[in-house]
Amino acid sequence: AIIGIFASVVFVSLSGSRAKSRDAVRVTDLKNLSLAAENYFVENSEFPDSIDDLAEYFGTGTSVPIDPLNDGAHQYYYSFDDATKKYCLEAMMETESLGNDVECGSHEVNYKIIGP
């Protein structure tokens, strides 16, 4: 019984650590996508229409990153508002809300990067 209790405590800690590390990957990916959007703007004098347009500027050159879970429920979103000339990158975090409260899309996410 004691071993079972210890095993369940370890399992819960590992699962929380995995979620936090996936969130760290999401934040890093969105920050890098933000840099890719800025580089796109430097070369094209406008922001891209879709997240797929950032592939060439992301670093891998072939595709943009996908969410670490890749389960369909978690994904990265990009939108550009032509009126305000601002882009928005969004993702759903598993552990906590790290972003701001600015409205920039209709997705239910809890982490956003607004630029420029």
C-alpha atoms as a PDB file:
ATOM      1  CA  ALA A   1       0.000   0.000   0.000  1.00  0.00           C
ATOM      2  CA  ILE A   2       2.847   2.401   0.847  1.00  0.00           C
ATOM      3  CA  ILE A   3       4.566   1.699  -2.463  1.00  0.00           C
ATOM      4  CA  GLY A   4       1.282   2.366  -4.253  1.00  0.00           C
ATOM      5  CA  ILE A   5       0.921   5.741  -2.530  1.00  0.00           C
ATOM      6  CA  PHE A   6       4.495   6.719  -3.425  1.00  0.00           C
ATOM      7  CA  ALA A   7       3.976   5.596  -7.026  1.00  0.00           C
ATOM      8  CA  SER A   8       0.828   7.703  -7.382  1.00  0.00           C
ATOM      9  CA  VAL A   9       2.585  10.781  -5.933  1.00  0.00           C
ATOM     10  CA  VAL A  10       5.490  10.347  -8.365  1.00  0.00           C
ATOM     11  CA  PHE A  11       3.107   9.831 -11.285  1.00  0.00           C
ATOM     12  CA  VAL A  12       1.171  13.027 -10.486  1.00  0.00           C
ATOM     13  CA  SER A  13       4.415  15.036 -10.214  1.00  0.00           C
ATOM     14  CA  LEU A  14       5.714  13.690 -13.522  1.00  0.00           C
ATOM     15  CA  SER A  15       2.478  14.465 -15.301  1.00  0.00           C
ATOM     16  CA  GLY A  16       2.538  18.061 -14.008  1.00  0.00           C
ATOM     17  CA  SER A  17       6.167  18.424 -15.069  1.00  0.00           C
ATOM     18  CA  ARG A  18       5.382  17.176 -18.558  1.00  0.00           C
ATOM     19  CA  ALA A  19       2.532  19.679 -18.918  1.00  0.00           C
ATOM     20  CA  LYS A  20       4.793  22.519 -17.754  1.00  0.00           C
ATOM     21  CA  SER A  21       7.491  21.519 -20.213  1.00  0.00           C
ATOM     22  CA  ARG A  22       4.955  21.398 -23.083  1.00  0.00           C
ATOM     23  CA  ASP A  23       3.828  24.895 -22.046  1.00  0.00           C
ATOM     24  CA  ALA A  24       7.442  26.073 -22.161  1.00  0.00           C
ATOM     25  CA  VAL A  25       7.720  24.697 -25.701  1.00  0.00           C
ATOM     26  CA  ARG A  26       4.512  26.533 -26.665  1.00  0.00           C
ATOM     27  CA  VAL A  27       5.792  29.853 -25.309  1.00  0.00           C
ATOM     28  CA  THR A  28       9.118  29.417 -27.109  1.00  0.00           C
ATOM     29  CA  ASP A  29       7.393  28.469 -30.364  1.00  0.00           C
ATOM     30  CA  LEU A  30       5.085  31.502 -30.218  1.00  0.00           C
ATOM     31  CA  LYS A  31       7.985  33.838 -29.441  1.00  0.00           C
ATOM     32  CA  ASN A  32       9.910  32.415 -32.395  1.00  0.00           C
ATOM     33  CA  LEU A  33       6.833  32.738 -34.609  1.00  0.00           C
ATOM     34  CA  SER A  34       6.581  36.355 -33.483  1.00  0.00           C
ATOM     35  CA  LEU A  35      10.184  36.911 -34.599  1.00  0.00           C
ATOM     36  CA  ALA A  36       9.355  35.188 -37.892  1.00  0.00           C
ATOM     37  CA  ALA A  37       6.402  37.570 -38.373  1.00  0.00           C
ATOM     38  CA  GLU A  38       8.695  40.535 -37.746  1.00  0.00           C
ATOM     39  CA  ASN A  39      11.233  39.171 -40.267  1.00  0.00           C
ATOM     40  CA  TYR A  40       8.429  38.637 -42.769  1.00  0.00           C
ATOM     41  CA  PHE A  41       7.427  42.277 -42.302  1.00  0.00           C
ATOM     42  CA  VAL A  42      11.005  43.494 -42.856  1.00  0.00           C
ATOM     43  CA  GLU A  43      11.222  41.671 -46.180  1.00  0.00           C
ATOM     44  CA  ASN A  44       7.664  42.239 -47.436  1.00  0.00           C
ATOM     45  CA  SER A  45       6.558  45.526 -45.789  1.00  0.00           C
ATOM     46  CA  GLU A  46       3.415  43.794 -44.547  1.00  0.00           C
ATOM     47  CA  PHE A  47       2.464  41.045 -42.134  1.00  0.00           C
ATOM     48  CA  PRO A  48       1.457  37.625 -43.456  1.00  0.00           C
ATOM     49  CA  ASP A  49      -2.118  36.533 -43.972  1.00  0.00           C
ATOM     50  CA  SER A  50      -1.654  33.078 -42.449  1.00  0.00           C
ATOM     51  CA  ILE A  51       0.635  31.226 -40.083  1.00  0.00           C
ATOM     52  CA  ASP A  52       1.822  29.007 -42.951  1.00  0.00           C
ATOM     53  CA  ASP A  53       3.427  32.063 -44.586  1.00  0.00           C
ATOM     54  CA  LEU A  54       5.881  32.154 -41.662  1.00  0.00           C
ATOM     55  CA  ALA A  55       7.479  28.784 -42.446  1.00  0.00           C
ATOM     56  CA  GLU A  56      10.271  30.301 -44.538  1.00  0.00           C
ATOM     57  CA  TYR A  57      11.079  32.761 -41.761  1.00  0.00           C
ATOM     58  CA  PHE A  58      10.801  30.378 -38.829  1.00  0.00           C
ATOM     59  CA  GLY A  59      14.174  28.707 -39.148  1.00  0.00           C
ATOM     60  CA  THR A  60      13.303  25.250 -40.355  1.00  0.00           C
ATOM     61  CA  GLY A  61      12.287  26.738 -43.699  1.00  0.00           C
ATOM     62  CA  THR A  62       9.750  24.046 -44.454  1.00  0.00           C
ATOM     63  CA  SER A  63       6.982  24.323 -41.880  1.00  0.00           C
ATOM     64  CA  VAL A  64       5.858  26.154 -38.783  1.00  0.00           C
ATOM     65  CA  PRO A  65       5.910  24.301 -35.467  1.00  0.00           C
ATOM     66  CA  ILE A  66       2.952  22.320 -34.247  1.00  0.00           C
ATOM     67  CA  ASP A  67       1.736  22.058 -30.684  1.00  0.00           C
ATOM     68  CA  PRO A  68       3.654  19.445 -28.637  1.00  0.00           C
ATOM     69  CA  LEU A  69       0.489  17.407 -27.992  1.00  0.00           C
ATOM     70  CA  ASN A  70      -0.571  17.511 -31.653  1.00  0.00           C
ATOM     71  CA  ASP A  71      -3.990  16.229 -30.624  1.00  0.00           C
ATOM     72  CA  GLY A  72      -6.185  18.624 -32.595  1.00  0.00           C
ATOM     73  CA  ALA A  73      -7.469  20.311 -29.449  1.00  0.00           C
ATOM     74  CA  HIS A  74      -4.184  22.123 -28.923  1.00  0.00           C
ATOM     75  CA  GLN A  75      -2.810  24.170 -31.782  1.00  0.00           C
ATOM     76  CA  TYR A  76      -1.269  27.521 -32.610  1.00  0.00           C
ATOM     77  CA  TYR A  77      -3.403  30.300 -34.045  1.00  0.00           C
ATOM     78  CA  TYR A  78      -2.385  33.377 -36.023  1.00  0.00           C
ATOM     79  CA  SER A  79      -4.513  36.317 -37.056  1.00  0.00           C
ATOM     80  CA  PHE A  80      -3.837  39.752 -38.486  1.00  0.00           C
ATOM     81  CA  ASP A  81      -6.080  42.773 -38.030  1.00  0.00           C
ATOM     82  CA  ASP A  82      -5.757  45.024 -41.056  1.00  0.00           C
ATOM     83  CA  ALA A  83      -7.443  47.937 -39.244  1.00  0.00           C
ATOM     84  CA  THR A  84      -4.986  48.040 -36.330  1.00  0.00           C
ATOM     85  CA  LYS A  85      -2.040  46.553 -38.289  1.00  0.00           C
ATOM     86  CA  LYS A  86      -1.384  44.107 -35.443  1.00  0.00           C
ATOM     87  CA  TYR A  87      -0.960  40.366 -35.498  1.00  0.00           C
ATOM     88  CA  CYS A  88      -1.895  37.916 -32.802  1.00  0.00           C
ATOM     89  CA  LEU A  89      -0.351  34.533 -32.025  1.00  0.00           C
ATOM     90  CA  GLU A  90      -2.309  32.305 -29.652  1.00  0.00           C
ATOM     91  CA  ALA A  91      -2.056  28.955 -27.894  1.00  0.00           C
ATOM     92  CA  MET A  92      -3.833  27.063 -25.139  1.00  0.00           C
ATOM     93  CA  MET A  93      -1.630  26.351 -22.126  1.00  0.00           C
ATOM     94  CA  GLU A  94      -2.173  23.290 -19.966  1.00  0.00           C
ATOM     95  CA  THR A  95      -0.996  24.625 -16.621  1.00  0.00           C
ATOM     96  CA  GLU A  96      -1.608  28.353 -16.300  1.00  0.00           C
ATOM     97  CA  SER A  97      -2.557  31.533 -18.062  1.00  0.00           C
ATOM     98  CA  LEU A  98       0.611  33.386 -19.002  1.00  0.00           C
ATOM     99  CA  GLY A  99      -0.649  35.856 -21.569  1.00  0.00           C
ATOM    100  CA  ASN A 100      -2.448  39.141 -21.563  1.00  0.00           C
ATOM    101  CA  ASP A 101      -6.143  39.889 -21.602  1.00  0.00           C
ATOM    102  CA  VAL A 102      -6.205  41.611 -24.978  1.00  0.00           C
ATOM    103  CA  GLU A 103      -8.900  40.270 -27.289  1.00  0.00           C
ATOM    104  CA  CYS A 104      -7.387  39.227 -30.582  1.00  0.00           C
ATOM    105  CA  GLY A 105      -9.288  36.242 -31.817  1.00  0.00           C
ATOM    106  CA  SER A 106     -12.265  34.045 -31.289  1.00  0.00           C
ATOM    107  CA  HIS A 107     -10.271  31.057 -30.075  1.00  0.00           C
ATOM    108  CA  GLU A 108     -10.499  29.907 -26.494  1.00  0.00           C
ATOM    109  CA  VAL A 109      -6.853  30.286 -25.541  1.00  0.00           C
ATOM    110  CA  ASN A 110      -5.015  31.533 -22.479  1.00  0.00           C
ATOM    111  CA  TYR A 111      -1.721  32.722 -23.975  1.00  0.00           C
ATOM    112  CA  LYS A 112      -1.412  35.476 -26.568  1.00  0.00           C
ATOM    113  CA  ILE A 113       1.356  37.489 -28.175  1.00  0.00           C
ATOM    114  CA  ILE A 114       0.287  40.741 -29.803  1.00  0.00           C
ATOM    115  CA  GLY A 115       2.608  42.482 -32.208  1.00  0.00           C
ATOM    116  CA  PRO A 116       4.077  44.842 -33.160  1.00  0.00           C
END
